[in-house]
Amino acid sequence: METKTIQVRVSAEVAEQFEAASEEERAKMEALISLQLKSFARPTRSLKEIMKSMSDYAQTKGLTPEILESILN
């Protein structure tokens, strides 16, 4: 995997812990940070997709339009 160096601001305490860590520990920390940043960069589902998923789930649990109507009233 190709890597690229970036700069990220962290607290002084975190920076000191990173600098004091062994090469193996640093590699683990970098892998975890990379995974976390990757999850932030992932596109999220649209509202329409979320609503469809919720609707499908409700239907599998037995919610019908009539039951929903009575709940909302």
N, C-alpha and C. Protein backbone atom coordinates (compact mmCIF):
# COMPACT_ATOMS: atom_id res chain seq x y z
N MET A 1 0.84 -1.18 0.00
CA MET A 1 0.00 0.00 0.00
C MET A 1 0.89 1.24 0.00
N GLU A 2 0.55 2.15 -0.86
CA GLU A 2 1.29 3.41 -0.91
C GLU A 2 0.86 4.28 0.27
N THR A 3 1.81 4.93 0.90
CA THR A 3 1.48 5.82 2.02
C THR A 3 1.94 7.22 1.72
N LYS A 4 1.37 8.15 2.44
CA LYS A 4 1.72 9.56 2.30
C LYS A 4 1.71 10.17 3.69
N THR A 5 2.62 11.04 3.96
CA THR A 5 2.71 11.69 5.26
C THR A 5 1.83 12.93 5.28
N ILE A 6 1.08 13.08 6.39
CA ILE A 6 0.25 14.27 6.60
C ILE A 6 0.57 14.82 7.99
N GLN A 7 0.15 16.04 8.25
CA GLN A 7 0.32 16.62 9.58
C GLN A 7 -1.05 16.74 10.23
N VAL A 8 -1.13 16.31 11.47
CA VAL A 8 -2.37 16.38 12.23
C VAL A 8 -2.07 17.00 13.58
N ARG A 9 -2.84 17.99 13.97
CA ARG A 9 -2.64 18.63 15.28
C ARG A 9 -3.24 17.74 16.37
N VAL A 10 -2.46 17.49 17.39
CA VAL A 10 -2.90 16.72 18.55
C VAL A 10 -2.44 17.45 19.81
N SER A 11 -2.93 17.00 20.95
CA SER A 11 -2.50 17.62 22.20
C SER A 11 -1.01 17.31 22.43
N ALA A 12 -0.39 18.13 23.25
CA ALA A 12 1.03 17.93 23.58
C ALA A 12 1.23 16.56 24.23
N GLU A 13 0.30 16.15 25.07
CA GLU A 13 0.40 14.85 25.74
C GLU A 13 0.40 13.70 24.73
N VAL A 14 -0.48 13.77 23.76
CA VAL A 14 -0.55 12.72 22.74
C VAL A 14 0.74 12.71 21.92
N ALA A 15 1.22 13.88 21.56
CA ALA A 15 2.46 13.98 20.79
C ALA A 15 3.63 13.36 21.55
N GLU A 16 3.70 13.64 22.84
CA GLU A 16 4.78 13.09 23.66
C GLU A 16 4.68 11.57 23.75
N GLN A 17 3.46 11.06 23.90
CA GLN A 17 3.28 9.61 23.97
C GLN A 17 3.69 8.95 22.65
N PHE A 18 3.32 9.59 21.54
CA PHE A 18 3.69 9.05 20.23
C PHE A 18 5.20 9.06 20.05
N GLU A 19 5.82 10.15 20.40
CA GLU A 19 7.28 10.27 20.25
C GLU A 19 8.02 9.29 21.15
N ALA A 20 7.47 8.97 22.30
CA ALA A 20 8.12 8.05 23.24
C ALA A 20 7.87 6.58 22.89
N ALA A 21 6.94 6.32 22.00
CA ALA A 21 6.57 4.94 21.66
C ALA A 21 7.65 4.27 20.82
N SER A 22 7.66 2.95 20.89
CA SER A 22 8.58 2.19 20.04
C SER A 22 8.10 2.25 18.59
N GLU A 23 8.96 1.85 17.67
CA GLU A 23 8.58 1.85 16.26
C GLU A 23 7.35 0.97 16.02
N GLU A 24 7.29 -0.16 16.71
CA GLU A 24 6.15 -1.08 16.56
C GLU A 24 4.87 -0.42 17.06
N GLU A 25 4.95 0.25 18.21
CA GLU A 25 3.78 0.93 18.76
C GLU A 25 3.34 2.09 17.87
N ARG A 26 4.31 2.80 17.32
CA ARG A 26 3.97 3.91 16.41
C ARG A 26 3.26 3.38 15.17
N ALA A 27 3.75 2.27 14.64
CA ALA A 27 3.12 1.68 13.45
C ALA A 27 1.67 1.30 13.74
N LYS A 28 1.42 0.76 14.93
CA LYS A 28 0.05 0.40 15.32
C LYS A 28 -0.82 1.65 15.44
N MET A 29 -0.27 2.69 16.08
CA MET A 29 -1.02 3.93 16.22
C MET A 29 -1.35 4.54 14.86
N GLU A 30 -0.37 4.54 13.97
CA GLU A 30 -0.58 5.10 12.64
C GLU A 30 -1.65 4.32 11.88
N ALA A 31 -1.66 2.99 12.03
CA ALA A 31 -2.66 2.16 11.37
C ALA A 31 -4.06 2.49 11.91
N LEU A 32 -4.18 2.64 13.22
CA LEU A 32 -5.47 2.98 13.82
C LEU A 32 -5.95 4.36 13.37
N ILE A 33 -5.05 5.32 13.35
CA ILE A 33 -5.41 6.67 12.91
C ILE A 33 -5.84 6.64 11.45
N SER A 34 -5.12 5.90 10.64
CA SER A 34 -5.46 5.80 9.22
C SER A 34 -6.85 5.21 9.02
N LEU A 35 -7.17 4.16 9.78
CA LEU A 35 -8.50 3.55 9.69
C LEU A 35 -9.59 4.53 10.12
N GLN A 36 -9.32 5.27 11.19
CA GLN A 36 -10.30 6.24 11.68
C GLN A 36 -10.54 7.33 10.66
N LEU A 37 -9.48 7.86 10.08
CA LEU A 37 -9.63 8.91 9.07
C LEU A 37 -10.36 8.39 7.84
N LYS A 38 -10.08 7.15 7.49
CA LYS A 38 -10.74 6.54 6.34
C LYS A 38 -12.25 6.44 6.58
N SER A 39 -12.64 6.09 7.81
CA SER A 39 -14.06 5.99 8.11
C SER A 39 -14.74 7.36 8.03
N PHE A 40 -14.05 8.43 8.40
CA PHE A 40 -14.61 9.78 8.29
C PHE A 40 -14.78 10.19 6.83
N ALA A 41 -13.90 9.73 5.98
CA ALA A 41 -13.92 10.12 4.58
C ALA A 41 -14.95 9.36 3.76
N ARG A 42 -15.42 8.23 4.32
CA ARG A 42 -16.40 7.43 3.60
C ARG A 42 -17.69 8.21 3.40
N PRO A 43 -18.26 8.15 2.19
CA PRO A 43 -19.53 8.85 2.01
C PRO A 43 -20.62 8.18 2.84
N THR A 44 -21.46 8.98 3.43
CA THR A 44 -22.55 8.43 4.24
C THR A 44 -23.74 8.13 3.34
N ARG A 45 -24.64 7.32 3.89
CA ARG A 45 -25.83 7.00 3.12
C ARG A 45 -26.73 8.23 3.04
N SER A 46 -27.47 8.32 1.97
CA SER A 46 -28.39 9.43 1.81
C SER A 46 -29.59 9.24 2.73
N LEU A 47 -30.30 10.32 2.97
CA LEU A 47 -31.50 10.25 3.80
C LEU A 47 -32.50 9.27 3.19
N LYS A 48 -32.61 9.28 1.88
CA LYS A 48 -33.55 8.37 1.20
C LYS A 48 -33.18 6.91 1.46
N GLU A 49 -31.87 6.60 1.42
CA GLU A 49 -31.42 5.22 1.69
C GLU A 49 -31.71 4.82 3.13
N ILE A 50 -31.49 5.73 4.06
CA ILE A 50 -31.75 5.46 5.47
C ILE A 50 -33.24 5.22 5.70
N MET A 51 -34.07 6.06 5.11
CA MET A 51 -35.52 5.91 5.27
C MET A 51 -36.00 4.59 4.67
N LYS A 52 -35.46 4.20 3.52
CA LYS A 52 -35.83 2.94 2.89
C LYS A 52 -35.44 1.77 3.79
N SER A 53 -34.25 1.84 4.36
CA SER A 53 -33.78 0.79 5.26
C SER A 53 -34.68 0.68 6.49
N MET A 54 -35.05 1.82 7.05
CA MET A 54 -35.93 1.82 8.22
C MET A 54 -37.30 1.26 7.87
N SER A 55 -37.81 1.63 6.71
CA SER A 55 -39.11 1.13 6.26
C SER A 55 -39.08 -0.39 6.07
N ASP A 56 -38.04 -0.86 5.43
CA ASP A 56 -37.91 -2.32 5.22
C ASP A 56 -37.85 -3.06 6.55
N TYR A 57 -37.10 -2.51 7.50
CA TYR A 57 -36.97 -3.14 8.81
C TYR A 57 -38.32 -3.16 9.53
N ALA A 58 -39.02 -2.03 9.49
CA ALA A 58 -40.33 -1.95 10.15
C ALA A 58 -41.31 -2.95 9.55
N GLN A 59 -41.27 -3.09 8.24
CA GLN A 59 -42.17 -4.04 7.58
C GLN A 59 -41.84 -5.48 7.97
N THR A 60 -40.57 -5.80 8.10
CA THR A 60 -40.21 -7.17 8.49
C THR A 60 -40.64 -7.46 9.92
N LYS A 61 -40.78 -6.40 10.73
CA LYS A 61 -41.23 -6.57 12.11
C LYS A 61 -42.75 -6.50 12.24
N GLY A 62 -43.45 -6.38 11.09
CA GLY A 62 -44.90 -6.43 11.10
C GLY A 62 -45.61 -5.09 11.10
N LEU A 63 -44.89 -4.01 10.94
CA LEU A 63 -45.55 -2.71 10.90
C LEU A 63 -46.24 -2.53 9.55
N THR A 64 -47.51 -2.24 9.58
CA THR A 64 -48.28 -2.01 8.35
C THR A 64 -48.65 -0.54 8.28
N PRO A 65 -49.04 -0.06 7.09
CA PRO A 65 -49.48 1.34 6.99
C PRO A 65 -50.62 1.65 7.96
N GLU A 66 -51.52 0.70 8.17
CA GLU A 66 -52.64 0.91 9.08
C GLU A 66 -52.17 1.08 10.53
N ILE A 67 -51.24 0.24 10.95
CA ILE A 67 -50.71 0.33 12.32
C ILE A 67 -49.98 1.67 12.50
N LEU A 68 -49.20 2.04 11.50
CA LEU A 68 -48.49 3.30 11.58
C LEU A 68 -49.47 4.47 11.67
N GLU A 69 -50.52 4.43 10.88
CA GLU A 69 -51.54 5.48 10.90
C GLU A 69 -52.16 5.60 12.29
N SER A 70 -52.48 4.45 12.91
CA SER A 70 -53.10 4.50 14.24
C SER A 70 -52.11 5.01 15.29
N ILE A 71 -50.83 4.71 15.14
CA ILE A 71 -49.82 5.21 16.08
C ILE A 71 -49.69 6.72 15.95
N LEU A 72 -49.69 7.21 14.72
CA LEU A 72 -49.52 8.64 14.49
C LEU A 72 -50.74 9.44 14.91
N ASN A 73 -51.90 8.81 14.89
CA ASN A 73 -53.13 9.50 15.32
C ASN A 73 -53.22 9.41 16.81
